[in-house]
Amino acid sequence: MNRREFLEIAALGTLGSMTPLTGGSQRLNRLGVQLYTLRSLMDTSVPFTLEQVAKIGYREVEFAGYFGARPSQLRRWLDDLGLEAPAAHVSLLDGKLEAALDAAVELGHRYLIQASLPLWQRRSLDAFRRAATALNQAGEAARTRGLAVA
């Protein structure tokens, strides 16, 4: 699928019936919520916010950081509420890759996403090259644990 096809499908509001890149036809059967959209609530109370998300009917969440909670505690809350967290936006470029991978495995993530370059990193062609190299290395390390990096 190219960008134009994606935008045409998105504009029609039919993302649920997209044909995935694998070539098969598949409808979305689970919808999740990106917890970044609820960051002010997450900053106030992670367990309360997760409880409300589950009450609404969501079964999947995508973390955008862990809001100061330990992965072991988050795992308990997710399990208690019947939630899964297939993905998370985390920093993969801050020198704490092993900790990020450990947390991802504990939380059941399948994907770790580096949303952008850290603010402290200068935006230049060399910086983007260094980031690409670091993300490729992170991807290799993640793959050994059954994870993917985006």
C-alpha atoms as a PDB file:
ATOM      1  CA  MET A   1       0.000   0.000   0.000  1.00  0.00           C
ATOM      2  CA  ASN A   2       1.390   3.404  -0.837  1.00  0.00           C
ATOM      3  CA  ARG A   3       0.724   6.722   0.895  1.00  0.00           C
ATOM      4  CA  ARG A   4      -1.913   7.775  -1.633  1.00  0.00           C
ATOM      5  CA  GLU A   5      -3.900   4.535  -1.183  1.00  0.00           C
ATOM      6  CA  PHE A   6      -3.693   4.870   2.592  1.00  0.00           C
ATOM      7  CA  LEU A   7      -4.962   8.454   2.510  1.00  0.00           C
ATOM      8  CA  GLU A   8      -7.814   7.521   0.175  1.00  0.00           C
ATOM      9  CA  ILE A   9      -8.891   4.731   2.496  1.00  0.00           C
ATOM     10  CA  ALA A  10      -8.498   6.934   5.581  1.00  0.00           C
ATOM     11  CA  ALA A  11     -10.518   9.731   3.956  1.00  0.00           C
ATOM     12  CA  LEU A  12     -13.334   7.293   3.294  1.00  0.00           C
ATOM     13  CA  GLY A  13     -13.299   6.202   6.917  1.00  0.00           C
ATOM     14  CA  THR A  14     -12.948   2.529   6.043  1.00  0.00           C
ATOM     15  CA  LEU A  15      -9.734   1.678   7.857  1.00  0.00           C
ATOM     16  CA  GLY A  16     -11.472  -1.290   9.478  1.00  0.00           C
ATOM     17  CA  SER A  17     -11.764  -3.000   6.107  1.00  0.00           C
ATOM     18  CA  MET A  18      -8.249  -2.302   4.836  1.00  0.00           C
ATOM     19  CA  THR A  19      -6.356  -5.118   3.221  1.00  0.00           C
ATOM     20  CA  PRO A  20      -3.189  -5.581   5.266  1.00  0.00           C
ATOM     21  CA  LEU A  21       0.215  -5.690   3.641  1.00  0.00           C
ATOM     22  CA  THR A  22       0.192  -9.468   3.960  1.00  0.00           C
ATOM     23  CA  GLY A  23      -2.310  -9.597   1.113  1.00  0.00           C
ATOM     24  CA  GLY A  24      -5.160 -11.153   3.099  1.00  0.00           C
ATOM     25  CA  SER A  25      -8.442  -9.500   3.920  1.00  0.00           C
ATOM     26  CA  GLN A  26      -9.026  -8.860   7.576  1.00  0.00           C
ATOM     27  CA  ARG A  27     -11.270  -6.595   9.618  1.00  0.00           C
ATOM     28  CA  LEU A  28     -10.170  -5.009  12.854  1.00  0.00           C
ATOM     29  CA  ASN A  29     -11.775  -6.891  15.704  1.00  0.00           C
ATOM     30  CA  ARG A  30     -10.136  -5.066  18.591  1.00  0.00           C
ATOM     31  CA  LEU A  31      -9.747  -1.367  19.146  1.00  0.00           C
ATOM     32  CA  GLY A  32      -7.432   0.191  21.660  1.00  0.00           C
ATOM     33  CA  VAL A  33      -6.686   3.583  23.077  1.00  0.00           C
ATOM     34  CA  GLN A  34      -3.382   5.441  22.974  1.00  0.00           C
ATOM     35  CA  LEU A  35      -2.836   6.498  26.583  1.00  0.00           C
ATOM     36  CA  TYR A  36      -1.030   9.654  25.494  1.00  0.00           C
ATOM     37  CA  THR A  37      -4.491  11.034  24.732  1.00  0.00           C
ATOM     38  CA  LEU A  38      -5.294  10.526  28.421  1.00  0.00           C
ATOM     39  CA  ARG A  39      -1.938  11.732  29.769  1.00  0.00           C
ATOM     40  CA  SER A  40      -3.378  14.259  32.205  1.00  0.00           C
ATOM     41  CA  LEU A  41      -5.537  11.526  33.743  1.00  0.00           C
ATOM     42  CA  MET A  42      -2.605   9.081  33.707  1.00  0.00           C
ATOM     43  CA  ASP A  43      -0.484  11.686  35.514  1.00  0.00           C
ATOM     44  CA  THR A  44      -3.182  11.908  38.182  1.00  0.00           C
ATOM     45  CA  SER A  45      -3.895   8.190  38.626  1.00  0.00           C
ATOM     46  CA  VAL A  46      -2.712   5.361  36.420  1.00  0.00           C
ATOM     47  CA  PRO A  47      -4.904   2.642  37.987  1.00  0.00           C
ATOM     48  CA  PHE A  48      -8.062   4.803  37.914  1.00  0.00           C
ATOM     49  CA  THR A  49      -7.484   5.757  34.272  1.00  0.00           C
ATOM     50  CA  LEU A  50      -6.890   2.138  33.248  1.00  0.00           C
ATOM     51  CA  GLU A  51     -10.028   1.120  35.141  1.00  0.00           C
ATOM     52  CA  GLN A  52     -12.101   3.733  33.306  1.00  0.00           C
ATOM     53  CA  VAL A  53     -10.650   2.677  29.936  1.00  0.00           C
ATOM     54  CA  ALA A  54     -11.622  -0.928  30.686  1.00  0.00           C
ATOM     55  CA  LYS A  55     -15.128   0.136  31.806  1.00  0.00           C
ATOM     56  CA  ILE A  56     -15.657   1.928  28.500  1.00  0.00           C
ATOM     57  CA  GLY A  57     -14.952  -1.350  26.773  1.00  0.00           C
ATOM     58  CA  TYR A  58     -11.420  -1.035  25.475  1.00  0.00           C
ATOM     59  CA  ARG A  59      -9.334  -4.185  25.769  1.00  0.00           C
ATOM     60  CA  GLU A  60      -6.047  -2.831  24.448  1.00  0.00           C
ATOM     61  CA  VAL A  61      -3.983   0.174  25.437  1.00  0.00           C
ATOM     62  CA  GLU A  62      -0.837   1.686  24.035  1.00  0.00           C
ATOM     63  CA  PHE A  63       1.394   3.273  26.614  1.00  0.00           C
ATOM     64  CA  ALA A  64       3.232   6.545  26.027  1.00  0.00           C
ATOM     65  CA  GLY A  65       5.699   6.115  28.848  1.00  0.00           C
ATOM     66  CA  TYR A  66       4.747   4.462  32.102  1.00  0.00           C
ATOM     67  CA  PHE A  67       3.860   7.522  34.200  1.00  0.00           C
ATOM     68  CA  GLY A  68       6.187   6.569  37.037  1.00  0.00           C
ATOM     69  CA  ALA A  69       4.687   3.116  37.562  1.00  0.00           C
ATOM     70  CA  ARG A  70       6.865   0.010  37.708  1.00  0.00           C
ATOM     71  CA  PRO A  71       6.301  -2.557  34.938  1.00  0.00           C
ATOM     72  CA  SER A  72       5.414  -5.221  37.525  1.00  0.00           C
ATOM     73  CA  GLN A  73       2.661  -3.000  38.953  1.00  0.00           C
ATOM     74  CA  LEU A  74       1.377  -2.091  35.493  1.00  0.00           C
ATOM     75  CA  ARG A  75       1.267  -5.801  34.614  1.00  0.00           C
ATOM     76  CA  ARG A  76      -0.924  -6.500  37.666  1.00  0.00           C
ATOM     77  CA  TRP A  77      -3.297  -3.653  36.828  1.00  0.00           C
ATOM     78  CA  LEU A  78      -3.571  -4.767  33.202  1.00  0.00           C
ATOM     79  CA  ASP A  79      -4.237  -8.366  34.232  1.00  0.00           C
ATOM     80  CA  ASP A  80      -6.808  -7.363  36.857  1.00  0.00           C
ATOM     81  CA  LEU A  81      -8.691  -5.271  34.296  1.00  0.00           C
ATOM     82  CA  GLY A  82      -8.443  -7.706  31.374  1.00  0.00           C
ATOM     83  CA  LEU A  83      -6.353  -5.256  29.354  1.00  0.00           C
ATOM     84  CA  GLU A  84      -3.489  -5.933  26.979  1.00  0.00           C
ATOM     85  CA  ALA A  85      -0.759  -3.522  25.927  1.00  0.00           C
ATOM     86  CA  PRO A  86       0.578  -4.637  22.540  1.00  0.00           C
ATOM     87  CA  ALA A  87       2.656  -1.493  22.024  1.00  0.00           C
ATOM     88  CA  ALA A  88       4.265   1.467  23.740  1.00  0.00           C
ATOM     89  CA  HIS A  89       5.952   4.708  22.822  1.00  0.00           C
ATOM     90  CA  VAL A  90       9.224   4.715  24.740  1.00  0.00           C
ATOM     91  CA  SER A  91      12.637   6.245  24.374  1.00  0.00           C
ATOM     92  CA  LEU A  92      14.972   3.821  22.656  1.00  0.00           C
ATOM     93  CA  LEU A  93      17.743   6.392  22.260  1.00  0.00           C
ATOM     94  CA  ASP A  94      18.403   7.361  25.867  1.00  0.00           C
ATOM     95  CA  GLY A  95      20.972   4.674  26.698  1.00  0.00           C
ATOM     96  CA  LYS A  96      18.454   2.550  28.631  1.00  0.00           C
ATOM     97  CA  LEU A  97      17.539   0.100  25.898  1.00  0.00           C
ATOM     98  CA  GLU A  98      17.844  -3.050  28.024  1.00  0.00           C
ATOM     99  CA  ALA A  99      15.472  -1.632  30.650  1.00  0.00           C
ATOM    100  CA  ALA A 100      12.981  -0.681  27.915  1.00  0.00           C
ATOM    101  CA  LEU A 101      13.170  -4.194  26.449  1.00  0.00           C
ATOM    102  CA  ASP A 102      12.774  -5.825  29.862  1.00  0.00           C
ATOM    103  CA  ALA A 103       9.696  -3.699  30.593  1.00  0.00           C
ATOM    104  CA  ALA A 104       8.253  -4.477  27.167  1.00  0.00           C
ATOM    105  CA  VAL A 105       8.566  -8.208  27.699  1.00  0.00           C
ATOM    106  CA  GLU A 106       7.017  -7.988  31.171  1.00  0.00           C
ATOM    107  CA  LEU A 107       4.113  -5.908  29.892  1.00  0.00           C
ATOM    108  CA  GLY A 108       3.451  -8.128  26.889  1.00  0.00           C
ATOM    109  CA  HIS A 109       4.290  -5.523  24.261  1.00  0.00           C
ATOM    110  CA  ARG A 110       4.968  -6.698  20.756  1.00  0.00           C
ATOM    111  CA  TYR A 111       6.012  -3.288  19.429  1.00  0.00           C
ATOM    112  CA  LEU A 112       8.146  -0.464  20.814  1.00  0.00           C
ATOM    113  CA  ILE A 113       7.856   2.868  19.051  1.00  0.00           C
ATOM    114  CA  GLN A 114      10.333   5.748  19.117  1.00  0.00           C
ATOM    115  CA  ALA A 115       7.909   8.566  18.354  1.00  0.00           C
ATOM    116  CA  SER A 116      10.526  11.196  17.543  1.00  0.00           C
ATOM    117  CA  LEU A 117      14.091  12.182  18.136  1.00  0.00           C
ATOM    118  CA  PRO A 118      14.697  13.355  21.692  1.00  0.00           C
ATOM    119  CA  LEU A 119      14.401  17.119  22.080  1.00  0.00           C
ATOM    120  CA  TRP A 120      18.030  17.373  23.184  1.00  0.00           C
ATOM    121  CA  GLN A 121      19.267  15.882  19.914  1.00  0.00           C
ATOM    122  CA  ARG A 122      20.128  18.376  17.210  1.00  0.00           C
ATOM    123  CA  ARG A 123      18.086  18.004  14.041  1.00  0.00           C
ATOM    124  CA  SER A 124      20.575  17.440  11.254  1.00  0.00           C
ATOM    125  CA  LEU A 125      21.327  14.851   8.613  1.00  0.00           C
ATOM    126  CA  ASP A 126      24.084  13.397  10.811  1.00  0.00           C
ATOM    127  CA  ALA A 127      21.722  13.209  13.790  1.00  0.00           C
ATOM    128  CA  PHE A 128      19.157  11.351  11.704  1.00  0.00           C
ATOM    129  CA  ARG A 129      21.829   8.936  10.498  1.00  0.00           C
ATOM    130  CA  ARG A 130      22.985   8.272  14.072  1.00  0.00           C
ATOM    131  CA  ALA A 131      19.370   7.769  15.156  1.00  0.00           C
ATOM    132  CA  ALA A 132      18.764   5.337  12.281  1.00  0.00           C
ATOM    133  CA  THR A 133      21.855   3.339  13.263  1.00  0.00           C
ATOM    134  CA  ALA A 134      20.794   3.278  16.930  1.00  0.00           C
ATOM    135  CA  LEU A 135      17.240   2.270  16.021  1.00  0.00           C
ATOM    136  CA  ASN A 136      18.514  -0.522  13.779  1.00  0.00           C
ATOM    137  CA  GLN A 137      20.602  -1.778  16.714  1.00  0.00           C
ATOM    138  CA  ALA A 138      17.565  -1.487  18.995  1.00  0.00           C
ATOM    139  CA  GLY A 139      15.547  -3.437  16.436  1.00  0.00           C
ATOM    140  CA  GLU A 140      18.112  -6.238  16.400  1.00  0.00           C
ATOM    141  CA  ALA A 141      18.150  -6.405  20.211  1.00  0.00           C
ATOM    142  CA  ALA A 142      14.333  -6.326  20.313  1.00  0.00           C
ATOM    143  CA  ARG A 143      14.021  -9.101  17.757  1.00  0.00           C
ATOM    144  CA  THR A 144      15.956 -11.481  20.046  1.00  0.00           C
ATOM    145  CA  ARG A 145      13.130 -11.001  22.559  1.00  0.00           C
ATOM    146  CA  GLY A 146      10.290 -11.382  20.071  1.00  0.00           C
ATOM    147  CA  LEU A 147       9.679  -7.622  19.802  1.00  0.00           C
ATOM    148  CA  ALA A 148       9.658  -5.198  16.907  1.00  0.00           C
ATOM    149  CA  VAL A 149      10.786  -1.565  16.850  1.00  0.00           C
ATOM    150  CA  ALA A 150       9.139   1.221  14.881  1.00  0.00           C
END
